[in-house]
Amino acid sequence: MHAMLNIAVRAARAAGNIIVRGYENRADLMTEAKGENDFVTRIDKEAEQAIIHKIKQSYPEHSFVGEEGGIVEGDDNYKWVIDPLDGTTNFIKGIPHFAVSIALMHKGKLDQAVVFDPLRGELFTASKGAGAQLNGYRVRCSKTRDLNGTVLATAFPFKRKDNLGQYLNSFNQIFEQCGDIRRSGSAALDMAYVAAGRYDGFWEKGLKPWDMAAGMLLIQEAGGLVTDFDGGHEPMKSGNVVCGGAKVVQSIVKSLKAG
């Protein structure tokens, strides 16, 4: 395992321990609203600080950007992009589906990735050029050649419900072509599941870099394709992502453009 990936795994496990303890004692979460239908808890903040602290012990010169405000200036050649608890609403409600997401960008390119489900003990990892793994075993994206019979994942625009009409037009077109669609509440896990071949594809609008960075590298290293809604290759700039096997992505993008 790459040295930097090993440190990221340790950081993810440290955050996971905090999350599991918090999940067992949710009466003391101290939930705050960051925006409409967007929440943060004491556990999100503690997990993010634990990740930064663990990584900084080995790489004190690196820079960090975290969802909960954990911006640490440093060497921008090495930037860690962190979502300490992706799926906070699930966590608050006691729905056992959320994850820690950590990615390292080296000179602006994704280099290392970890998505860790602390309840199931599932550790998805990837290093640039070395493939993607689940608990140490190689994983690959689905090789489905069209949408027929596929199981896809998505998310509704819950932060921007004024976009719902346009979204539903595209949703209807895709749903008519595929087998079924899931909506789980964690983009990081959705993308990790695509990398592992559990989902054939995924799309979502309005994500932040920390939502998708680790998942993007996992999918790319698992032989998949990651684009924006127009088929471009910089979804972290637009916040709109489509991912899966190449043929599935092409079909989803075509439907999104038509919608």
C-alpha atoms as a PDB file:
ATOM      1  CA  MET A   1       0.000   0.000   0.000  1.00  0.00           C
ATOM      2  CA  HIS A   2       1.269   3.477  -0.899  1.00  0.00           C
ATOM      3  CA  ALA A   3       2.633   5.298   2.183  1.00  0.00           C
ATOM      4  CA  MET A   4       0.232   8.230   1.793  1.00  0.00           C
ATOM      5  CA  LEU A   5      -2.714   5.901   1.260  1.00  0.00           C
ATOM      6  CA  ASN A   6      -1.755   4.030   4.416  1.00  0.00           C
ATOM      7  CA  ILE A   7      -1.906   7.276   6.408  1.00  0.00           C
ATOM      8  CA  ALA A   8      -5.260   8.150   4.820  1.00  0.00           C
ATOM      9  CA  VAL A   9      -6.617   4.749   5.861  1.00  0.00           C
ATOM     10  CA  ARG A  10      -5.463   5.326   9.441  1.00  0.00           C
ATOM     11  CA  ALA A  11      -7.124   8.742   9.413  1.00  0.00           C
ATOM     12  CA  ALA A  12     -10.363   7.295   8.030  1.00  0.00           C
ATOM     13  CA  ARG A  13     -10.420   4.610  10.719  1.00  0.00           C
ATOM     14  CA  ALA A  14      -9.804   7.212  13.441  1.00  0.00           C
ATOM     15  CA  ALA A  15     -12.737   9.241  12.135  1.00  0.00           C
ATOM     16  CA  GLY A  16     -14.793   6.072  11.825  1.00  0.00           C
ATOM     17  CA  ASN A  17     -14.299   5.304  15.525  1.00  0.00           C
ATOM     18  CA  ILE A  18     -15.654   8.743  16.422  1.00  0.00           C
ATOM     19  CA  ILE A  19     -18.613   8.299  14.087  1.00  0.00           C
ATOM     20  CA  VAL A  20     -19.559   4.873  15.445  1.00  0.00           C
ATOM     21  CA  ARG A  21     -19.457   6.119  19.051  1.00  0.00           C
ATOM     22  CA  GLY A  22     -21.567   9.102  18.048  1.00  0.00           C
ATOM     23  CA  TYR A  23     -24.040   6.899  16.189  1.00  0.00           C
ATOM     24  CA  GLU A  24     -24.581   4.876  19.353  1.00  0.00           C
ATOM     25  CA  ASN A  25     -25.257   8.061  21.353  1.00  0.00           C
ATOM     26  CA  ARG A  26     -27.203  10.244  18.921  1.00  0.00           C
ATOM     27  CA  ALA A  27     -29.128  12.081  21.680  1.00  0.00           C
ATOM     28  CA  ASP A  28     -26.004  14.216  22.171  1.00  0.00           C
ATOM     29  CA  LEU A  29     -25.377  15.149  18.538  1.00  0.00           C
ATOM     30  CA  MET A  30     -25.830  18.961  18.809  1.00  0.00           C
ATOM     31  CA  THR A  31     -27.212  19.270  15.270  1.00  0.00           C
ATOM     32  CA  GLU A  32     -26.935  22.602  13.440  1.00  0.00           C
ATOM     33  CA  ALA A  33     -28.397  23.730  10.111  1.00  0.00           C
ATOM     34  CA  LYS A  34     -25.795  24.917   7.580  1.00  0.00           C
ATOM     35  CA  GLY A  35     -28.477  25.729   5.019  1.00  0.00           C
ATOM     36  CA  GLU A  36     -31.830  24.493   3.805  1.00  0.00           C
ATOM     37  CA  ASN A  37     -31.994  20.709   4.380  1.00  0.00           C
ATOM     38  CA  ASP A  38     -28.237  20.711   5.083  1.00  0.00           C
ATOM     39  CA  PHE A  39     -27.050  19.724   8.555  1.00  0.00           C
ATOM     40  CA  VAL A  40     -23.858  19.318  10.568  1.00  0.00           C
ATOM     41  CA  THR A  41     -23.259  17.675  13.937  1.00  0.00           C
ATOM     42  CA  ARG A  42     -20.564  17.734  16.581  1.00  0.00           C
ATOM     43  CA  ILE A  43     -19.461  14.361  15.211  1.00  0.00           C
ATOM     44  CA  ASP A  44     -18.832  15.766  11.696  1.00  0.00           C
ATOM     45  CA  LYS A  45     -16.521  18.389  13.168  1.00  0.00           C
ATOM     46  CA  GLU A  46     -14.708  16.025  15.525  1.00  0.00           C
ATOM     47  CA  ALA A  47     -14.187  13.479  12.748  1.00  0.00           C
ATOM     48  CA  GLU A  48     -12.765  16.117  10.413  1.00  0.00           C
ATOM     49  CA  GLN A  49     -10.324  17.354  13.030  1.00  0.00           C
ATOM     50  CA  ALA A  50      -9.248  13.779  13.765  1.00  0.00           C
ATOM     51  CA  ILE A  51      -8.506  13.207  10.067  1.00  0.00           C
ATOM     52  CA  ILE A  52      -6.487  16.400   9.732  1.00  0.00           C
ATOM     53  CA  HIS A  53      -4.587  15.715  12.965  1.00  0.00           C
ATOM     54  CA  LYS A  54      -3.690  12.162  11.920  1.00  0.00           C
ATOM     55  CA  ILE A  55      -2.458  13.172   8.465  1.00  0.00           C
ATOM     56  CA  LYS A  56      -0.562  16.212   9.738  1.00  0.00           C
ATOM     57  CA  GLN A  57       1.411  13.974  12.092  1.00  0.00           C
ATOM     58  CA  SER A  58       3.058  12.448   9.003  1.00  0.00           C
ATOM     59  CA  TYR A  59       2.712  15.316   6.515  1.00  0.00           C
ATOM     60  CA  PRO A  60       2.683  18.627   8.431  1.00  0.00           C
ATOM     61  CA  GLU A  61       3.457  20.645   5.290  1.00  0.00           C
ATOM     62  CA  HIS A  62       0.392  19.483   3.303  1.00  0.00           C
ATOM     63  CA  SER A  63      -2.757  21.579   2.775  1.00  0.00           C
ATOM     64  CA  PHE A  64      -6.314  20.551   3.578  1.00  0.00           C
ATOM     65  CA  VAL A  65      -9.862  21.441   2.583  1.00  0.00           C
ATOM     66  CA  GLY A  66     -12.706  19.853   4.517  1.00  0.00           C
ATOM     67  CA  GLU A  67     -16.479  20.157   4.294  1.00  0.00           C
ATOM     68  CA  GLU A  68     -16.800  21.439   7.838  1.00  0.00           C
ATOM     69  CA  GLY A  69     -14.417  24.344   7.450  1.00  0.00           C
ATOM     70  CA  GLY A  70     -11.187  22.478   7.983  1.00  0.00           C
ATOM     71  CA  ILE A  71      -9.098  24.611   5.640  1.00  0.00           C
ATOM     72  CA  VAL A  72      -5.396  24.371   6.449  1.00  0.00           C
ATOM     73  CA  GLU A  73      -2.941  26.339   4.356  1.00  0.00           C
ATOM     74  CA  GLY A  74       0.205  24.566   3.240  1.00  0.00           C
ATOM     75  CA  ASP A  75       1.893  23.058   0.227  1.00  0.00           C
ATOM     76  CA  ASP A  76      -0.809  23.101  -2.460  1.00  0.00           C
ATOM     77  CA  ASN A  77       1.106  20.472  -4.399  1.00  0.00           C
ATOM     78  CA  TYR A  78      -0.374  18.090  -1.825  1.00  0.00           C
ATOM     79  CA  LYS A  79      -3.993  18.906  -0.975  1.00  0.00           C
ATOM     80  CA  TRP A  80      -6.233  16.607   1.048  1.00  0.00           C
ATOM     81  CA  VAL A  81      -9.948  16.871   0.225  1.00  0.00           C
ATOM     82  CA  ILE A  82     -12.079  15.599   3.109  1.00  0.00           C
ATOM     83  CA  ASP A  83     -15.708  14.797   3.815  1.00  0.00           C
ATOM     84  CA  PRO A  84     -15.600  13.444   7.375  1.00  0.00           C
ATOM     85  CA  LEU A  85     -19.189  12.175   7.363  1.00  0.00           C
ATOM     86  CA  ASP A  86     -20.885  11.889   3.995  1.00  0.00           C
ATOM     87  CA  GLY A  87     -24.529  11.108   4.689  1.00  0.00           C
ATOM     88  CA  THR A  88     -25.054  13.255   7.774  1.00  0.00           C
ATOM     89  CA  THR A  89     -28.853  13.200   7.460  1.00  0.00           C
ATOM     90  CA  ASN A  90     -28.788   9.390   7.435  1.00  0.00           C
ATOM     91  CA  PHE A  91     -26.527   9.485  10.481  1.00  0.00           C
ATOM     92  CA  ILE A  92     -28.845  11.846  12.364  1.00  0.00           C
ATOM     93  CA  LYS A  93     -31.913   9.752  11.564  1.00  0.00           C
ATOM     94  CA  GLY A  94     -30.256   6.480  12.510  1.00  0.00           C
ATOM     95  CA  ILE A  95     -30.140   5.169   8.942  1.00  0.00           C
ATOM     96  CA  PRO A  96     -26.980   3.026   8.806  1.00  0.00           C
ATOM     97  CA  HIS A  97     -25.577   4.330   5.529  1.00  0.00           C
ATOM     98  CA  PHE A  98     -22.789   6.938   5.621  1.00  0.00           C
ATOM     99  CA  ALA A  99     -19.048   7.102   5.090  1.00  0.00           C
ATOM    100  CA  VAL A 100     -15.750   8.893   5.574  1.00  0.00           C
ATOM    101  CA  SER A 101     -14.286  10.216   2.310  1.00  0.00           C
ATOM    102  CA  ILE A 102     -10.634  11.272   1.954  1.00  0.00           C
ATOM    103  CA  ALA A 103      -8.762  12.107  -1.256  1.00  0.00           C
ATOM    104  CA  LEU A 104      -5.282  13.427  -1.922  1.00  0.00           C
ATOM    105  CA  MET A 105      -4.639  15.669  -4.907  1.00  0.00           C
ATOM    106  CA  HIS A 106      -1.027  15.927  -6.074  1.00  0.00           C
ATOM    107  CA  LYS A 107      -0.362  18.934  -8.298  1.00  0.00           C
ATOM    108  CA  GLY A 108      -4.077  19.206  -9.036  1.00  0.00           C
ATOM    109  CA  LYS A 109      -4.565  15.534  -9.964  1.00  0.00           C
ATOM    110  CA  LEU A 110      -6.252  12.855  -7.893  1.00  0.00           C
ATOM    111  CA  ASP A 111      -3.608  10.579  -6.422  1.00  0.00           C
ATOM    112  CA  GLN A 112      -4.995   8.654  -3.412  1.00  0.00           C
ATOM    113  CA  ALA A 113      -8.530   7.850  -2.267  1.00  0.00           C
ATOM    114  CA  VAL A 114     -10.303   6.278   0.693  1.00  0.00           C
ATOM    115  CA  VAL A 115     -14.030   5.791   1.291  1.00  0.00           C
ATOM    116  CA  PHE A 116     -14.719   4.025   4.596  1.00  0.00           C
ATOM    117  CA  ASP A 117     -18.062   2.703   5.811  1.00  0.00           C
ATOM    118  CA  PRO A 118     -17.431   2.421   9.570  1.00  0.00           C
ATOM    119  CA  LEU A 119     -20.560   0.406  10.372  1.00  0.00           C
ATOM    120  CA  ARG A 120     -19.990  -2.311   7.767  1.00  0.00           C
ATOM    121  CA  GLY A 121     -16.206  -2.166   8.011  1.00  0.00           C
ATOM    122  CA  GLU A 122     -15.942  -1.724   4.239  1.00  0.00           C
ATOM    123  CA  LEU A 123     -12.779   0.081   3.146  1.00  0.00           C
ATOM    124  CA  PHE A 124     -12.619   1.230  -0.483  1.00  0.00           C
ATOM    125  CA  THR A 125      -9.147   2.421  -1.535  1.00  0.00           C
ATOM    126  CA  ALA A 126      -7.317   3.514  -4.666  1.00  0.00           C
ATOM    127  CA  SER A 127      -3.895   4.795  -5.653  1.00  0.00           C
ATOM    128  CA  LYS A 128      -3.266   6.421  -9.012  1.00  0.00           C
ATOM    129  CA  GLY A 129      -2.210   3.729 -11.472  1.00  0.00           C
ATOM    130  CA  ALA A 130      -2.584   0.864  -8.976  1.00  0.00           C
ATOM    131  CA  GLY A 131      -6.277  -0.042  -9.270  1.00  0.00           C
ATOM    132  CA  ALA A 132      -9.108   0.084  -6.731  1.00  0.00           C
ATOM    133  CA  GLN A 133      -9.714  -2.288  -3.827  1.00  0.00           C
ATOM    134  CA  LEU A 134     -12.413  -3.205  -1.324  1.00  0.00           C
ATOM    135  CA  ASN A 135     -10.878  -4.526   1.892  1.00  0.00           C
ATOM    136  CA  GLY A 136      -7.726  -5.356  -0.039  1.00  0.00           C
ATOM    137  CA  TYR A 137      -9.404  -7.166  -2.953  1.00  0.00           C
ATOM    138  CA  ARG A 138      -9.434  -5.727  -6.464  1.00  0.00           C
ATOM    139  CA  VAL A 139     -12.755  -4.325  -7.683  1.00  0.00           C
ATOM    140  CA  ARG A 140     -13.952  -3.389 -11.158  1.00  0.00           C
ATOM    141  CA  CYS A 141     -16.824  -1.331 -12.534  1.00  0.00           C
ATOM    142  CA  SER A 142     -19.692  -3.036 -14.300  1.00  0.00           C
ATOM    143  CA  LYS A 143     -19.113  -3.664 -17.999  1.00  0.00           C
ATOM    144  CA  THR A 144     -22.787  -3.313 -18.942  1.00  0.00           C
ATOM    145  CA  ARG A 145     -23.092  -2.012 -22.494  1.00  0.00           C
ATOM    146  CA  ASP A 146     -26.466  -0.243 -22.239  1.00  0.00           C
ATOM    147  CA  LEU A 147     -29.021   0.817 -19.633  1.00  0.00           C
ATOM    148  CA  ASN A 148     -31.291  -2.186 -20.081  1.00  0.00           C
ATOM    149  CA  GLY A 149     -31.502  -4.047 -16.766  1.00  0.00           C
ATOM    150  CA  THR A 150     -29.030  -1.788 -14.984  1.00  0.00           C
ATOM    151  CA  VAL A 151     -29.303  -0.661 -11.368  1.00  0.00           C
ATOM    152  CA  LEU A 152     -28.345   3.004 -11.116  1.00  0.00           C
ATOM    153  CA  ALA A 153     -28.082   5.482  -8.242  1.00  0.00           C
ATOM    154  CA  THR A 154     -28.837   9.188  -8.015  1.00  0.00           C
ATOM    155  CA  ALA A 155     -29.905  11.918  -5.590  1.00  0.00           C
ATOM    156  CA  PHE A 156     -32.728  14.413  -5.651  1.00  0.00           C
ATOM    157  CA  PRO A 157     -31.893  18.168  -5.625  1.00  0.00           C
ATOM    158  CA  PHE A 158     -32.952  18.577  -1.987  1.00  0.00           C
ATOM    159  CA  LYS A 159     -30.926  21.775  -1.507  1.00  0.00           C
ATOM    160  CA  ARG A 160     -32.342  23.368  -4.682  1.00  0.00           C
ATOM    161  CA  LYS A 161     -35.900  22.127  -5.050  1.00  0.00           C
ATOM    162  CA  ASP A 162     -36.525  24.745  -7.736  1.00  0.00           C
ATOM    163  CA  ASN A 163     -34.468  22.439 -10.003  1.00  0.00           C
ATOM    164  CA  LEU A 164     -36.801  19.499  -9.420  1.00  0.00           C
ATOM    165  CA  GLY A 165     -38.813  19.834 -12.648  1.00  0.00           C
ATOM    166  CA  GLN A 166     -35.780  19.661 -14.925  1.00  0.00           C
ATOM    167  CA  TYR A 167     -34.320  16.858 -12.837  1.00  0.00           C
ATOM    168  CA  LEU A 168     -37.495  14.771 -13.057  1.00  0.00           C
ATOM    169  CA  ASN A 169     -37.590  15.097 -16.845  1.00  0.00           C
ATOM    170  CA  SER A 170     -34.148  13.512 -17.046  1.00  0.00           C
ATOM    171  CA  PHE A 171     -34.984  11.004 -14.319  1.00  0.00           C
ATOM    172  CA  ASN A 172     -38.028   9.799 -16.255  1.00  0.00           C
ATOM    173  CA  GLN A 173     -36.019   9.287 -19.429  1.00  0.00           C
ATOM    174  CA  ILE A 174     -33.323   7.303 -17.624  1.00  0.00           C
ATOM    175  CA  PHE A 175     -35.801   5.298 -15.529  1.00  0.00           C
ATOM    176  CA  GLU A 176     -37.656   4.148 -18.626  1.00  0.00           C
ATOM    177  CA  GLN A 177     -34.424   2.640 -19.988  1.00  0.00           C
ATOM    178  CA  CYS A 178     -32.854   1.043 -16.886  1.00  0.00           C
ATOM    179  CA  GLY A 179     -33.786  -1.758 -14.504  1.00  0.00           C
ATOM    180  CA  ASP A 180     -34.122   0.317 -11.324  1.00  0.00           C
ATOM    181  CA  ILE A 181     -32.770   3.380  -9.516  1.00  0.00           C
ATOM    182  CA  ARG A 182     -31.601   3.791  -5.912  1.00  0.00           C
ATOM    183  CA  ARG A 183     -31.312   6.945  -3.790  1.00  0.00           C
ATOM    184  CA  SER A 184     -29.201   6.224  -0.685  1.00  0.00           C
ATOM    185  CA  GLY A 185     -28.182   9.612   0.727  1.00  0.00           C
ATOM    186  CA  SER A 186     -24.387   9.292   0.428  1.00  0.00           C
ATOM    187  CA  ALA A 187     -22.656  10.254  -2.817  1.00  0.00           C
ATOM    188  CA  ALA A 188     -19.333   8.888  -1.545  1.00  0.00           C
ATOM    189  CA  LEU A 189     -20.810   5.424  -0.999  1.00  0.00           C
ATOM    190  CA  ASP A 190     -22.797   5.583  -4.239  1.00  0.00           C
ATOM    191  CA  MET A 191     -19.575   6.184  -6.157  1.00  0.00           C
ATOM    192  CA  ALA A 192     -17.696   3.527  -4.189  1.00  0.00           C
ATOM    193  CA  TYR A 193     -20.483   1.074  -5.028  1.00  0.00           C
ATOM    194  CA  VAL A 194     -20.109   1.969  -8.716  1.00  0.00           C
ATOM    195  CA  ALA A 195     -16.386   1.206  -8.456  1.00  0.00           C
ATOM    196  CA  ALA A 196     -17.214  -2.163  -6.878  1.00  0.00           C
ATOM    197  CA  GLY A 197     -19.746  -3.018  -9.598  1.00  0.00           C
ATOM    198  CA  ARG A 198     -22.708  -2.938  -7.193  1.00  0.00           C
ATOM    199  CA  TYR A 199     -24.289  -0.067  -9.110  1.00  0.00           C
ATOM    200  CA  ASP A 200     -23.892   0.183 -12.867  1.00  0.00           C
ATOM    201  CA  GLY A 201     -23.863   3.983 -12.807  1.00  0.00           C
ATOM    202  CA  PHE A 202     -24.546   7.134 -10.804  1.00  0.00           C
ATOM    203  CA  TRP A 203     -25.388  10.764 -11.496  1.00  0.00           C
ATOM    204  CA  GLU A 204     -25.938  13.781  -9.276  1.00  0.00           C
ATOM    205  CA  LYS A 205     -26.118  17.555  -9.623  1.00  0.00           C
ATOM    206  CA  GLY A 206     -24.636  20.171  -7.305  1.00  0.00           C
ATOM    207  CA  LEU A 207     -21.938  18.225  -5.485  1.00  0.00           C
ATOM    208  CA  LYS A 208     -18.873  19.742  -3.832  1.00  0.00           C
ATOM    209  CA  PRO A 209     -15.300  18.511  -4.453  1.00  0.00           C
ATOM    210  CA  TRP A 210     -15.195  16.681  -1.106  1.00  0.00           C
ATOM    211  CA  ASP A 211     -18.367  14.766  -2.031  1.00  0.00           C
ATOM    212  CA  MET A 212     -16.873  13.250  -5.162  1.00  0.00           C
ATOM    213  CA  ALA A 213     -13.047  13.437  -5.107  1.00  0.00           C
ATOM    214  CA  ALA A 214     -12.340  10.037  -3.546  1.00  0.00           C
ATOM    215  CA  GLY A 215     -15.158   8.369  -5.476  1.00  0.00           C
ATOM    216  CA  MET A 216     -13.837   9.701  -8.768  1.00  0.00           C
ATOM    217  CA  LEU A 217     -10.427   8.072  -8.331  1.00  0.00           C
ATOM    218  CA  LEU A 218     -11.995   4.826  -7.136  1.00  0.00           C
ATOM    219  CA  ILE A 219     -14.090   4.621 -10.304  1.00  0.00           C
ATOM    220  CA  GLN A 220     -11.270   5.605 -12.636  1.00  0.00           C
ATOM    221  CA  GLU A 221      -8.976   2.999 -11.084  1.00  0.00           C
ATOM    222  CA  ALA A 222     -11.776   0.421 -11.307  1.00  0.00           C
ATOM    223  CA  GLY A 223     -11.925   0.910 -15.074  1.00  0.00           C
ATOM    224  CA  GLY A 224     -14.875   3.301 -15.131  1.00  0.00           C
ATOM    225  CA  LEU A 225     -15.534   6.716 -16.589  1.00  0.00           C
ATOM    226  CA  VAL A 226     -16.339   9.955 -14.734  1.00  0.00           C
ATOM    227  CA  THR A 227     -17.738  12.999 -16.556  1.00  0.00           C
ATOM    228  CA  ASP A 228     -19.957  16.011 -16.014  1.00  0.00           C
ATOM    229  CA  PHE A 229     -23.484  16.275 -17.436  1.00  0.00           C
ATOM    230  CA  ASP A 230     -22.094  17.372 -20.815  1.00  0.00           C
ATOM    231  CA  GLY A 231     -19.596  14.524 -21.039  1.00  0.00           C
ATOM    232  CA  GLY A 232     -16.681  16.760 -20.023  1.00  0.00           C
ATOM    233  CA  HIS A 233     -13.910  15.563 -17.756  1.00  0.00           C
ATOM    234  CA  GLU A 234     -13.863  18.146 -14.963  1.00  0.00           C
ATOM    235  CA  PRO A 235     -16.961  17.415 -12.849  1.00  0.00           C
ATOM    236  CA  MET A 236     -15.389  18.891  -9.727  1.00  0.00           C
ATOM    237  CA  LYS A 237     -15.603  22.315 -11.385  1.00  0.00           C
ATOM    238  CA  SER A 238     -19.288  22.049 -12.333  1.00  0.00           C
ATOM    239  CA  GLY A 239     -20.366  19.947  -9.360  1.00  0.00           C
ATOM    240  CA  ASN A 240     -22.342  17.701 -11.714  1.00  0.00           C
ATOM    241  CA  VAL A 241     -21.140  14.117 -12.035  1.00  0.00           C
ATOM    242  CA  VAL A 242     -21.977  11.045 -14.106  1.00  0.00           C
ATOM    243  CA  CYS A 243     -20.011   7.847 -13.562  1.00  0.00           C
ATOM    244  CA  GLY A 244     -19.958   4.138 -14.342  1.00  0.00           C
ATOM    245  CA  GLY A 245     -18.875   1.991 -17.250  1.00  0.00           C
ATOM    246  CA  ALA A 246     -18.213   3.966 -20.422  1.00  0.00           C
ATOM    247  CA  LYS A 247     -21.348   2.827 -22.281  1.00  0.00           C
ATOM    248  CA  VAL A 248     -23.598   3.471 -19.282  1.00  0.00           C
ATOM    249  CA  VAL A 249     -22.149   6.950 -18.789  1.00  0.00           C
ATOM    250  CA  GLN A 250     -22.678   7.763 -22.459  1.00  0.00           C
ATOM    251  CA  SER A 251     -26.332   6.692 -22.210  1.00  0.00           C
ATOM    252  CA  ILE A 252     -26.961   8.705 -19.050  1.00  0.00           C
ATOM    253  CA  VAL A 253     -25.306  11.816 -20.503  1.00  0.00           C
ATOM    254  CA  LYS A 254     -27.427  11.476 -23.646  1.00  0.00           C
ATOM    255  CA  SER A 255     -30.605  11.364 -21.523  1.00  0.00           C
ATOM    256  CA  LEU A 256     -29.493  14.303 -19.387  1.00  0.00           C
ATOM    257  CA  LYS A 257     -28.892  16.417 -22.479  1.00  0.00           C
ATOM    258  CA  ALA A 258     -32.281  15.435 -23.893  1.00  0.00           C
ATOM    259  CA  GLY A 259     -34.008  16.271 -20.593  1.00  0.00           C
END
